[in-house]
Amino acid sequence: FIPTGRAINPVTGTNWEHVGVKPDHPIAAEEA
C-alpha cells in the first residue's frame, strides 16, 4: 500500500502526518 497523495487542510495549510491530531482535553483512551 503506497501513499500517492497528501492531505492539505484549508485552515492550517498542512495536516496531521507524523504528529497526529492533538485533543483539546488529553486523557487516556480508556477514560476518554
Full PDB file with SEQRES, HELIX, SHEET, SSBOND, CRYST1, ORIGX, SCALE, CONECT and MASTER records, all heavy atoms in Angstrom:
SEQRES   1 A   32  PHE ILE PRO THR GLY ARG ALA ILE ASN PRO VAL THR GLY          
SEQRES   2 A   32  THR ASN TRP GLU HIS VAL GLY VAL LYS PRO ASP HIS PRO          
SEQRES   3 A   32  ILE ALA ALA GLU GLU ALA                                      
HELIX    1 AA1 ALA A   29  GLU A   31  5                                   3    
CRYST1    1.000    1.000    1.000  90.00  90.00  90.00 P 1           1          
ORIGX1      1.000000  0.000000  0.000000        0.00000                         
ORIGX2      0.000000  1.000000  0.000000        0.00000                         
ORIGX3      0.000000  0.000000  1.000000        0.00000                         
SCALE1      1.000000  0.000000  0.000000        0.00000                         
SCALE2      0.000000  1.000000  0.000000        0.00000                         
SCALE3      0.000000  0.000000  1.000000        0.00000                         
ATOM      1  N   PHE A   1       0.878  -1.171   0.000  1.00  0.00           N  
ATOM      2  CA  PHE A   1       0.000   0.000   0.000  1.00  0.00           C  
ATOM      3  C   PHE A   1       0.912   1.217   0.000  1.00  0.00           C  
ATOM      4  O   PHE A   1       1.703   1.427   0.924  1.00  0.00           O  
ATOM      5  CB  PHE A   1      -0.909   0.020   1.229  1.00  0.00           C  
ATOM      6  CG  PHE A   1      -1.922   1.137   1.164  1.00  0.00           C  
ATOM      7  CD1 PHE A   1      -3.147   0.944   0.555  1.00  0.00           C  
ATOM      8  CD2 PHE A   1      -1.626   2.387   1.683  1.00  0.00           C  
ATOM      9  CE1 PHE A   1      -4.072   1.982   0.469  1.00  0.00           C  
ATOM     10  CE2 PHE A   1      -2.536   3.432   1.597  1.00  0.00           C  
ATOM     11  CZ  PHE A   1      -3.763   3.228   0.987  1.00  0.00           C  
ATOM     12  N   ILE A   2       0.820   2.014  -1.078  1.00  0.00           N  
ATOM     13  CA  ILE A   2       1.725   3.143  -1.266  1.00  0.00           C  
ATOM     14  C   ILE A   2       0.924   4.449  -1.320  1.00  0.00           C  
ATOM     15  O   ILE A   2       0.041   4.609  -2.173  1.00  0.00           O  
ATOM     16  CB  ILE A   2       2.534   2.989  -2.565  1.00  0.00           C  
ATOM     17  CG1 ILE A   2       3.417   1.734  -2.470  1.00  0.00           C  
ATOM     18  CG2 ILE A   2       3.387   4.225  -2.830  1.00  0.00           C  
ATOM     19  CD1 ILE A   2       4.210   1.437  -3.718  1.00  0.00           C  
ATOM     20  N   PRO A   3       1.183   5.377  -0.408  1.00  0.00           N  
ATOM     21  CA  PRO A   3       0.503   6.670  -0.457  1.00  0.00           C  
ATOM     22  C   PRO A   3       0.854   7.444  -1.721  1.00  0.00           C  
ATOM     23  O   PRO A   3       2.032   7.678  -2.008  1.00  0.00           O  
ATOM     24  CB  PRO A   3       1.027   7.394   0.791  1.00  0.00           C  
ATOM     25  CG  PRO A   3       1.428   6.287   1.718  1.00  0.00           C  
ATOM     26  CD  PRO A   3       1.993   5.232   0.804  1.00  0.00           C  
ATOM     27  N   THR A   4      -0.160   7.814  -2.459  1.00  0.00           N  
ATOM     28  CA  THR A   4       0.029   8.591  -3.691  1.00  0.00           C  
ATOM     29  C   THR A   4      -0.367  10.053  -3.495  1.00  0.00           C  
ATOM     30  O   THR A   4      -0.199  10.867  -4.402  1.00  0.00           O  
ATOM     31  CB  THR A   4      -0.816   7.997  -4.820  1.00  0.00           C  
ATOM     32  OG1 THR A   4      -2.191   7.968  -4.398  1.00  0.00           O  
ATOM     33  CG2 THR A   4      -0.367   6.577  -5.151  1.00  0.00           C  
ATOM     34  N   GLY A   5      -0.928  10.375  -2.328  1.00  0.00           N  
ATOM     35  CA  GLY A   5      -1.396  11.736  -2.098  1.00  0.00           C  
ATOM     36  C   GLY A   5      -1.104  12.218  -0.692  1.00  0.00           C  
ATOM     37  O   GLY A   5      -0.592  11.480   0.152  1.00  0.00           O  
ATOM     38  N   ARG A   6      -1.433  13.470  -0.456  1.00  0.00           N  
ATOM     39  CA  ARG A   6      -1.288  14.048   0.877  1.00  0.00           C  
ATOM     40  C   ARG A   6      -2.440  15.019   1.126  1.00  0.00           C  
ATOM     41  O   ARG A   6      -2.923  15.691   0.206  1.00  0.00           O  
ATOM     42  CB  ARG A   6       0.047  14.785   1.027  1.00  0.00           C  
ATOM     43  CG  ARG A   6       0.280  15.939   0.075  1.00  0.00           C  
ATOM     44  CD  ARG A   6       1.657  16.540   0.261  1.00  0.00           C  
ATOM     45  NE  ARG A   6       1.927  17.596  -0.703  1.00  0.00           N  
ATOM     46  CZ  ARG A   6       1.629  18.875  -0.522  1.00  0.00           C  
ATOM     47  NH1 ARG A   6       1.061  19.249   0.610  1.00  0.00           N  
ATOM     48  NH2 ARG A   6       1.894  19.774  -1.449  1.00  0.00           N  
ATOM     49  N   ALA A   7      -2.896  15.039   2.372  1.00  0.00           N  
ATOM     50  CA  ALA A   7      -3.992  15.926   2.744  1.00  0.00           C  
ATOM     51  C   ALA A   7      -3.482  17.345   2.963  1.00  0.00           C  
ATOM     52  O   ALA A   7      -2.363  17.545   3.453  1.00  0.00           O  
ATOM     53  CB  ALA A   7      -4.663  15.408   4.013  1.00  0.00           C  
ATOM     54  N   ILE A   8      -4.306  18.315   2.597  1.00  0.00           N  
ATOM     55  CA  ILE A   8      -3.984  19.734   2.808  1.00  0.00           C  
ATOM     56  C   ILE A   8      -5.201  20.384   3.444  1.00  0.00           C  
ATOM     57  O   ILE A   8      -6.229  20.575   2.789  1.00  0.00           O  
ATOM     58  CB  ILE A   8      -3.636  20.444   1.487  1.00  0.00           C  
ATOM     59  CG1 ILE A   8      -2.530  19.702   0.734  1.00  0.00           C  
ATOM     60  CG2 ILE A   8      -3.217  21.896   1.761  1.00  0.00           C  
ATOM     61  CD1 ILE A   8      -2.316  20.203  -0.684  1.00  0.00           C  
ATOM     62  N   ASN A   9      -5.114  20.732   4.711  1.00  0.00           N  
ATOM     63  CA  ASN A   9      -6.236  21.353   5.392  1.00  0.00           C  
ATOM     64  C   ASN A   9      -6.345  22.827   5.002  1.00  0.00           C  
ATOM     65  O   ASN A   9      -5.342  23.547   5.025  1.00  0.00           O  
ATOM     66  CB  ASN A   9      -6.066  21.212   6.903  1.00  0.00           C  
ATOM     67  CG  ASN A   9      -7.230  21.790   7.680  1.00  0.00           C  
ATOM     68  OD1 ASN A   9      -7.248  22.968   7.983  1.00  0.00           O  
ATOM     69  ND2 ASN A   9      -8.207  20.949   7.974  1.00  0.00           N  
ATOM     70  N   PRO A  10      -7.535  23.315   4.645  1.00  0.00           N  
ATOM     71  CA  PRO A  10      -7.667  24.708   4.193  1.00  0.00           C  
ATOM     72  C   PRO A  10      -7.453  25.739   5.302  1.00  0.00           C  
ATOM     73  O   PRO A  10      -7.187  26.904   5.005  1.00  0.00           O  
ATOM     74  CB  PRO A  10      -9.102  24.759   3.664  1.00  0.00           C  
ATOM     75  CG  PRO A  10      -9.814  23.681   4.405  1.00  0.00           C  
ATOM     76  CD  PRO A  10      -8.815  22.596   4.579  1.00  0.00           C  
ATOM     77  N   VAL A  11      -7.553  25.321   6.553  1.00  0.00           N  
ATOM     78  CA  VAL A  11      -7.370  26.253   7.666  1.00  0.00           C  
ATOM     79  C   VAL A  11      -5.904  26.334   8.070  1.00  0.00           C  
ATOM     80  O   VAL A  11      -5.337  27.421   8.215  1.00  0.00           O  
ATOM     81  CB  VAL A  11      -8.225  25.843   8.876  1.00  0.00           C  
ATOM     82  CG1 VAL A  11      -7.969  26.773  10.071  1.00  0.00           C  
ATOM     83  CG2 VAL A  11      -9.711  25.847   8.506  1.00  0.00           C  
ATOM     84  N   THR A  12      -5.255  25.172   8.224  1.00  0.00           N  
ATOM     85  CA  THR A  12      -3.871  25.138   8.697  1.00  0.00           C  
ATOM     86  C   THR A  12      -2.848  25.120   7.567  1.00  0.00           C  
ATOM     87  O   THR A  12      -1.681  25.434   7.783  1.00  0.00           O  
ATOM     88  CB  THR A  12      -3.642  23.907   9.584  1.00  0.00           C  
ATOM     89  OG1 THR A  12      -3.784  22.708   8.789  1.00  0.00           O  
ATOM     90  CG2 THR A  12      -4.639  23.863  10.728  1.00  0.00           C  
ATOM     91  N   GLY A  13      -3.278  24.707   6.370  1.00  0.00           N  
ATOM     92  CA  GLY A  13      -2.349  24.591   5.250  1.00  0.00           C  
ATOM     93  C   GLY A  13      -1.463  23.366   5.334  1.00  0.00           C  
ATOM     94  O   GLY A  13      -0.592  23.163   4.489  1.00  0.00           O  
ATOM     95  N   THR A  14      -1.683  22.534   6.331  1.00  0.00           N  
ATOM     96  CA  THR A  14      -0.878  21.326   6.494  1.00  0.00           C  
ATOM     97  C   THR A  14      -1.811  20.179   6.879  1.00  0.00           C  
ATOM     98  O   THR A  14      -2.990  20.181   6.542  1.00  0.00           O  
ATOM     99  CB  THR A  14       0.222  21.560   7.555  1.00  0.00           C  
ATOM    100  OG1 THR A  14       1.027  20.381   7.666  1.00  0.00           O  
ATOM    101  CG2 THR A  14      -0.359  21.920   8.907  1.00  0.00           C  
ATOM    102  N   ASN A  15      -1.290  19.157   7.592  1.00  0.00           N  
ATOM    103  CA  ASN A  15      -2.129  18.034   8.005  1.00  0.00           C  
ATOM    104  C   ASN A  15      -1.572  17.408   9.285  1.00  0.00           C  
ATOM    105  O   ASN A  15      -0.725  18.004   9.950  1.00  0.00           O  
ATOM    106  CB  ASN A  15      -2.237  17.005   6.875  1.00  0.00           C  
ATOM    107  CG  ASN A  15      -0.871  16.490   6.422  1.00  0.00           C  
ATOM    108  OD1 ASN A  15      -0.021  16.130   7.229  1.00  0.00           O  
ATOM    109  ND2 ASN A  15      -0.651  16.467   5.113  1.00  0.00           N  
ATOM    110  N   TRP A  16      -1.999  16.220   9.590  1.00  0.00           N  
ATOM    111  CA  TRP A  16      -1.659  15.557  10.849  1.00  0.00           C  
ATOM    112  C   TRP A  16      -0.593  14.463  10.663  1.00  0.00           C  
ATOM    113  O   TRP A  16      -0.349  13.682  11.582  1.00  0.00           O  
ATOM    114  CB  TRP A  16      -2.921  14.962  11.464  1.00  0.00           C  
ATOM    115  CG  TRP A  16      -3.604  13.988  10.538  1.00  0.00           C  
ATOM    116  CD1 TRP A  16      -3.459  12.632  10.509  1.00  0.00           C  
ATOM    117  CD2 TRP A  16      -4.519  14.315   9.477  1.00  0.00           C  
ATOM    118  NE1 TRP A  16      -4.216  12.089   9.500  1.00  0.00           N  
ATOM    119  CE2 TRP A  16      -4.884  13.094   8.864  1.00  0.00           C  
ATOM    120  CE3 TRP A  16      -5.068  15.499   9.012  1.00  0.00           C  
ATOM    121  CZ2 TRP A  16      -5.769  13.041   7.789  1.00  0.00           C  
ATOM    122  CZ3 TRP A  16      -5.949  15.438   7.937  1.00  0.00           C  
ATOM    123  CH2 TRP A  16      -6.296  14.225   7.337  1.00  0.00           C  
ATOM    124  N   GLU A  17       0.047  14.416   9.503  1.00  0.00           N  
ATOM    125  CA  GLU A  17       1.062  13.395   9.245  1.00  0.00           C  
ATOM    126  C   GLU A  17       2.178  13.466  10.289  1.00  0.00           C  
ATOM    127  O   GLU A  17       2.701  14.527  10.596  1.00  0.00           O  
ATOM    128  CB  GLU A  17       1.651  13.565   7.839  1.00  0.00           C  
ATOM    129  CG  GLU A  17       2.705  12.535   7.454  1.00  0.00           C  
ATOM    130  CD  GLU A  17       2.150  11.134   7.336  1.00  0.00           C  
ATOM    131  OE1 GLU A  17       0.946  10.974   7.062  1.00  0.00           O  
ATOM    132  OE2 GLU A  17       2.932  10.173   7.520  1.00  0.00           O  
ATOM    133  N   HIS A  18       2.545  12.314  10.844  1.00  0.00           N  
ATOM    134  CA  HIS A  18       3.595  12.143  11.856  1.00  0.00           C  
ATOM    135  C   HIS A  18       3.202  12.681  13.234  1.00  0.00           C  
ATOM    136  O   HIS A  18       3.528  12.074  14.249  1.00  0.00           O  
ATOM    137  CB  HIS A  18       4.921  12.782  11.433  1.00  0.00           C  
ATOM    138  CG  HIS A  18       5.492  12.221  10.174  1.00  0.00           C  
ATOM    139  ND1 HIS A  18       5.520  10.878   9.894  1.00  0.00           N  
ATOM    140  CD2 HIS A  18       6.061  12.834   9.100  1.00  0.00           C  
ATOM    141  CE1 HIS A  18       6.079  10.673   8.712  1.00  0.00           C  
ATOM    142  NE2 HIS A  18       6.401  11.850   8.204  1.00  0.00           N  
ATOM    143  N   VAL A  19       2.532  13.826  13.283  1.00  0.00           N  
ATOM    144  CA  VAL A  19       2.252  14.455  14.580  1.00  0.00           C  
ATOM    145  C   VAL A  19       0.928  14.011  15.185  1.00  0.00           C  
ATOM    146  O   VAL A  19       0.713  14.139  16.401  1.00  0.00           O  
ATOM    147  CB  VAL A  19       2.273  15.993  14.461  1.00  0.00           C  
ATOM    148  CG1 VAL A  19       3.639  16.473  14.030  1.00  0.00           C  
ATOM    149  CG2 VAL A  19       1.206  16.492  13.492  1.00  0.00           C  
ATOM    150  N   GLY A  20       0.008  13.498  14.371  1.00  0.00           N  
ATOM    151  CA  GLY A  20      -1.296  13.116  14.863  1.00  0.00           C  
ATOM    152  C   GLY A  20      -2.182  14.320  15.127  1.00  0.00           C  
ATOM    153  O   GLY A  20      -1.763  15.471  15.024  1.00  0.00           O  
ATOM    154  N   VAL A  21      -3.430  14.035  15.475  1.00  0.00           N  
ATOM    155  CA  VAL A  21      -4.378  15.080  15.836  1.00  0.00           C  
ATOM    156  C   VAL A  21      -4.374  15.182  17.357  1.00  0.00           C  
ATOM    157  O   VAL A  21      -4.635  14.202  18.049  1.00  0.00           O  
ATOM    158  CB  VAL A  21      -5.798  14.762  15.329  1.00  0.00           C  
ATOM    159  CG1 VAL A  21      -6.749  15.904  15.667  1.00  0.00           C  
ATOM    160  CG2 VAL A  21      -5.780  14.504  13.826  1.00  0.00           C  
ATOM    161  N   LYS A  22      -4.090  16.351  17.857  1.00  0.00           N  
ATOM    162  CA  LYS A  22      -3.949  16.542  19.301  1.00  0.00           C  
ATOM    163  C   LYS A  22      -5.291  16.943  19.919  1.00  0.00           C  
ATOM    164  O   LYS A  22      -5.932  17.899  19.472  1.00  0.00           O  
ATOM    165  CB  LYS A  22      -2.887  17.600  19.589  1.00  0.00           C  
ATOM    166  CG  LYS A  22      -1.487  17.162  19.175  1.00  0.00           C  
ATOM    167  CD  LYS A  22      -0.457  18.256  19.399  1.00  0.00           C  
ATOM    168  CE  LYS A  22       0.956  17.710  19.197  1.00  0.00           C  
ATOM    169  NZ  LYS A  22       1.141  17.047  17.904  1.00  0.00           N  
ATOM    170  N   PRO A  23      -5.717  16.247  20.958  1.00  0.00           N  
ATOM    171  CA  PRO A  23      -7.011  16.552  21.575  1.00  0.00           C  
ATOM    172  C   PRO A  23      -6.990  17.844  22.373  1.00  0.00           C  
ATOM    173  O   PRO A  23      -5.941  18.286  22.844  1.00  0.00           O  
ATOM    174  CB  PRO A  23      -7.253  15.342  22.490  1.00  0.00           C  
ATOM    175  CG  PRO A  23      -5.873  14.859  22.829  1.00  0.00           C  
ATOM    176  CD  PRO A  23      -5.047  15.096  21.586  1.00  0.00           C  
ATOM    177  N   ASP A  24      -8.160  18.441  22.536  1.00  0.00           N  
ATOM    178  CA  ASP A  24      -8.297  19.624  23.376  1.00  0.00           C  
ATOM    179  C   ASP A  24      -8.220  19.257  24.854  1.00  0.00           C  
ATOM    180  O   ASP A  24      -7.776  20.050  25.679  1.00  0.00           O  
ATOM    181  CB  ASP A  24      -9.639  20.311  23.088  1.00  0.00           C  
ATOM    182  CG  ASP A  24      -9.793  20.692  21.628  1.00  0.00           C  
ATOM    183  OD1 ASP A  24      -8.973  21.484  21.132  1.00  0.00           O  
ATOM    184  OD2 ASP A  24     -10.715  20.184  20.969  1.00  0.00           O  
ATOM    185  N   HIS A  25      -8.643  18.034  25.166  1.00  0.00           N  
ATOM    186  CA  HIS A  25      -8.596  17.520  26.542  1.00  0.00           C  
ATOM    187  C   HIS A  25      -7.862  16.179  26.521  1.00  0.00           C  
ATOM    188  O   HIS A  25      -8.487  15.136  26.319  1.00  0.00           O  
ATOM    189  CB  HIS A  25     -10.013  17.352  27.106  1.00  0.00           C  
ATOM    190  CG  HIS A  25     -10.772  18.626  27.252  1.00  0.00           C  
ATOM    191  ND1 HIS A  25     -10.741  19.392  28.393  1.00  0.00           N  
ATOM    192  CD2 HIS A  25     -11.574  19.288  26.378  1.00  0.00           C  
ATOM    193  CE1 HIS A  25     -11.496  20.465  28.238  1.00  0.00           C  
ATOM    194  NE2 HIS A  25     -12.008  20.430  27.022  1.00  0.00           N  
ATOM    195  N   PRO A  26      -6.534  16.180  26.717  1.00  0.00           N  
ATOM    196  CA  PRO A  26      -5.774  14.931  26.679  1.00  0.00           C  
ATOM    197  C   PRO A  26      -6.112  14.035  27.876  1.00  0.00           C  
ATOM    198  O   PRO A  26      -6.141  14.492  29.019  1.00  0.00           O  
ATOM    199  CB  PRO A  26      -4.313  15.401  26.748  1.00  0.00           C  
ATOM    200  CG  PRO A  26      -4.349  16.866  26.427  1.00  0.00           C  
ATOM    201  CD  PRO A  26      -5.671  17.355  26.905  1.00  0.00           C  
ATOM    202  N   ILE A  27      -6.361  12.756  27.572  1.00  0.00           N  
ATOM    203  CA  ILE A  27      -6.672  11.777  28.609  1.00  0.00           C  
ATOM    204  C   ILE A  27      -6.553  10.392  27.987  1.00  0.00           C  
ATOM    205  O   ILE A  27      -6.691  10.241  26.770  1.00  0.00           O  
ATOM    206  CB  ILE A  27      -8.090  12.017  29.182  1.00  0.00           C  
ATOM    207  CG1 ILE A  27      -8.309  11.177  30.444  1.00  0.00           C  
ATOM    208  CG2 ILE A  27      -9.154  11.745  28.133  1.00  0.00           C  
ATOM    209  CD1 ILE A  27      -9.600  11.534  31.173  1.00  0.00           C  
ATOM    210  N   ALA A  28      -6.262   9.378  28.784  1.00  0.00           N  
ATOM    211  CA  ALA A  28      -6.132   8.016  28.271  1.00  0.00           C  
ATOM    212  C   ALA A  28      -7.408   7.602  27.545  1.00  0.00           C  
ATOM    213  O   ALA A  28      -8.521   7.946  27.969  1.00  0.00           O  
ATOM    214  CB  ALA A  28      -5.840   7.051  29.410  1.00  0.00           C  
ATOM    215  N   ALA A  29      -7.237   6.865  26.456  1.00  0.00           N  
ATOM    216  CA  ALA A  29      -8.379   6.482  25.629  1.00  0.00           C  
ATOM    217  C   ALA A  29      -9.437   5.721  26.421  1.00  0.00           C  
ATOM    218  O   ALA A  29     -10.641   5.885  26.188  1.00  0.00           O  
ATOM    219  CB  ALA A  29      -7.907   5.642  24.447  1.00  0.00           C  
ATOM    220  N   GLU A  30      -9.007   4.886  27.356  1.00  0.00           N  
ATOM    221  CA  GLU A  30      -9.953   4.107  28.153  1.00  0.00           C  
ATOM    222  C   GLU A  30     -10.851   5.003  29.003  1.00  0.00           C  
ATOM    223  O   GLU A  30     -11.954   4.606  29.377  1.00  0.00           O  
ATOM    224  CB  GLU A  30      -9.202   3.120  29.049  1.00  0.00           C  
ATOM    225  CG  GLU A  30      -8.483   2.010  28.308  1.00  0.00           C  
ATOM    226  CD  GLU A  30      -7.140   2.453  27.732  1.00  0.00           C  
ATOM    227  OE1 GLU A  30      -6.749   3.631  27.962  1.00  0.00           O  
ATOM    228  OE2 GLU A  30      -6.477   1.646  27.054  1.00  0.00           O  
ATOM    229  N   GLU A  31     -10.373   6.183  29.332  1.00  0.00           N  
ATOM    230  CA  GLU A  31     -11.138   7.106  30.180  1.00  0.00           C  
ATOM    231  C   GLU A  31     -11.778   8.237  29.380  1.00  0.00           C  
ATOM    232  O   GLU A  31     -12.518   9.054  29.937  1.00  0.00           O  
ATOM    233  CB  GLU A  31     -10.207   7.712  31.238  1.00  0.00           C  
ATOM    234  CG  GLU A  31      -9.476   6.687  32.084  1.00  0.00           C  
ATOM    235  CD  GLU A  31      -8.388   7.321  32.937  1.00  0.00           C  
ATOM    236  OE1 GLU A  31      -8.443   8.548  33.152  1.00  0.00           O  
ATOM    237  OE2 GLU A  31      -7.487   6.588  33.361  1.00  0.00           O  
ATOM    238  N   ALA A  32     -11.507   8.282  28.083  1.00  0.00           N  
ATOM    239  CA  ALA A  32     -11.902   9.437  27.276  1.00  0.00           C  
ATOM    240  C   ALA A  32     -13.408   9.577  27.116  1.00  0.00           C  
ATOM    241  O   ALA A  32     -13.934  10.697  27.112  1.00  0.00           O  
ATOM    242  CB  ALA A  32     -11.238   9.361  25.902  1.00  0.00           C  
TER     243      ALA A  32                                                      
MASTER        0    0    0    1    0    0    0    6  242    1    0    3          
END                                                                             
